[in-house]
Protein backbone atom coordinates (compact mmCIF):
# COMPACT_ATOMS: atom_id res chain seq x y z
CA UNK A 1 230.73 150.74 158.25
CA UNK A 2 227.14 150.61 157.18
CA UNK A 3 226.47 150.93 153.45
CA UNK A 4 223.03 151.59 152.05
CA UNK A 5 222.15 151.13 148.39
CA UNK A 6 219.32 153.11 146.77
CA UNK A 7 217.57 151.53 143.85
CA UNK A 8 216.15 153.96 141.23
CA UNK A 9 213.60 153.43 138.51
CA UNK A 10 210.87 155.41 136.55
CA UNK A 11 207.19 154.60 136.33
CA UNK A 12 204.94 156.80 134.28
CA UNK A 13 207.61 159.62 134.15
CA UNK A 14 207.91 159.56 137.96
CA UNK A 15 211.37 158.81 139.39
CA UNK A 16 211.20 156.28 142.26
CA UNK A 17 213.78 155.35 144.74
CA UNK A 18 213.80 152.28 146.93
CA UNK A 19 215.96 152.03 150.15
CA UNK A 20 215.77 148.64 151.53
CA UNK A 21 216.62 147.57 155.14
CA UNK A 22 215.91 150.87 156.95
CA UNK A 23 215.19 149.05 160.28
CA UNK A 24 214.23 151.03 163.31
CA UNK A 25 212.28 154.30 163.59
CA UNK A 26 215.26 156.56 164.35
CA UNK A 27 217.21 155.16 161.38
CA UNK A 28 214.27 155.41 159.07
CA UNK A 29 213.80 159.12 160.09
CA UNK A 30 217.47 159.72 159.49
CA UNK A 31 217.12 158.26 155.98
CA UNK A 32 213.95 160.25 155.34
CA UNK A 33 215.58 163.51 156.33
CA UNK A 34 218.55 162.79 154.07
CA UNK A 35 216.15 161.94 151.19
CA UNK A 36 214.24 165.28 151.64
CA UNK A 37 217.61 167.12 151.88
CA UNK A 38 218.43 165.59 148.54
CA UNK A 39 215.22 166.82 146.90
CA UNK A 40 212.89 163.96 147.63
CA UNK A 41 209.19 165.07 147.54
CA UNK A 42 207.49 162.06 149.13
CA UNK A 43 208.55 159.20 151.30
CA UNK A 44 206.39 156.12 151.76
CA UNK A 45 207.61 153.76 154.38
CA UNK A 46 206.68 150.01 154.09
CA UNK A 47 207.70 148.37 157.32
CA UNK A 48 206.75 145.80 159.89
CA UNK A 49 205.31 146.81 163.29
CA UNK A 50 203.46 145.48 166.24
CA UNK A 51 199.74 145.18 166.18
CA UNK A 52 197.25 146.28 168.82
CA UNK A 53 194.58 143.85 167.74
CA UNK A 54 193.89 141.14 165.22
CA UNK A 55 191.94 142.62 162.38
CA UNK A 56 191.79 139.77 159.86
CA UNK A 57 193.72 136.59 158.92
CA UNK A 58 197.02 137.45 157.26
CA UNK A 59 198.39 138.44 154.78
CA UNK A 60 197.35 142.02 154.80
CA UNK A 61 198.94 145.46 154.95
CA UNK A 62 197.90 148.21 157.42
CA UNK A 63 197.78 151.84 156.28
CA UNK A 64 198.69 153.43 159.61
CA UNK A 65 196.38 156.27 160.74
CA UNK A 66 197.81 156.52 164.23
CA UNK A 67 200.85 155.05 166.03
CA UNK A 68 201.29 154.61 169.82
CA UNK A 69 204.31 156.65 170.89
CA UNK A 70 207.11 156.03 173.33
CA UNK A 71 210.19 158.02 173.98
CA UNK A 72 211.21 157.69 170.28
CA UNK A 73 211.99 160.07 167.47
CA UNK A 74 208.59 161.75 167.18
CA UNK A 75 209.03 163.61 170.37
CA UNK A 76 211.64 165.71 168.69
CA UNK A 77 209.18 166.83 166.03
CA UNK A 78 205.62 166.76 167.57
CA UNK A 79 204.07 167.88 170.84
CA UNK A 80 203.72 165.22 173.56
CA UNK A 81 200.74 162.80 173.10
CA UNK A 82 199.82 159.18 173.43
CA UNK A 83 199.52 158.72 169.65
CA UNK A 84 201.07 160.24 166.53
CA UNK A 85 198.34 160.79 163.93
CA UNK A 86 198.61 160.59 160.08
CA UNK A 87 197.46 163.71 158.18
CA UNK A 88 193.65 163.50 157.62
CA UNK A 89 194.22 165.10 154.10
CA UNK A 90 196.74 162.50 153.25
CA UNK A 91 194.42 159.67 154.35
CA UNK A 92 191.62 161.12 152.37
CA UNK A 93 193.83 161.28 149.24
CA UNK A 94 194.69 157.64 149.64
CA UNK A 95 191.10 156.52 150.04
CA UNK A 96 190.50 153.72 147.52
CA UNK A 97 194.07 153.88 146.26
CA UNK A 98 194.60 150.18 147.25
CA UNK A 99 191.23 148.73 146.27
CA UNK A 100 192.61 146.73 143.29
CA UNK A 101 195.54 145.12 145.15
CA UNK A 102 195.62 141.30 145.55
CA UNK A 103 196.63 141.62 149.31
CA UNK A 104 194.13 143.73 151.25
CA UNK A 105 195.06 147.06 152.88
CA UNK A 106 193.35 147.81 156.11
CA UNK A 107 193.52 151.30 157.70
CA UNK A 108 194.30 151.22 161.48
CA UNK A 109 196.55 151.84 164.42
CA UNK A 110 199.88 150.36 165.38
């Protein structure tokens, strides 16, 4: 039986939850659906993924603006297409949010 643990904390009066080890897109979507059904307002996924091209020497993070699709979960939620695209409004709201981090954040595709 699989057992997931959620770690909870507060930062600046915002309740945060961390769900480690949500490996695989389908499983991560299942967890996200359960979080939203439980009242969660925002999910931020930090994961590893393939890279389409070298951008810079590691380490760095990628804020994904589009993802190459296959026959995975997104076909249940979105119309067919080669890529799944992040919300332009969300990307605009995140502009500059990572500028002070020690490890760079590069926007790009996966």
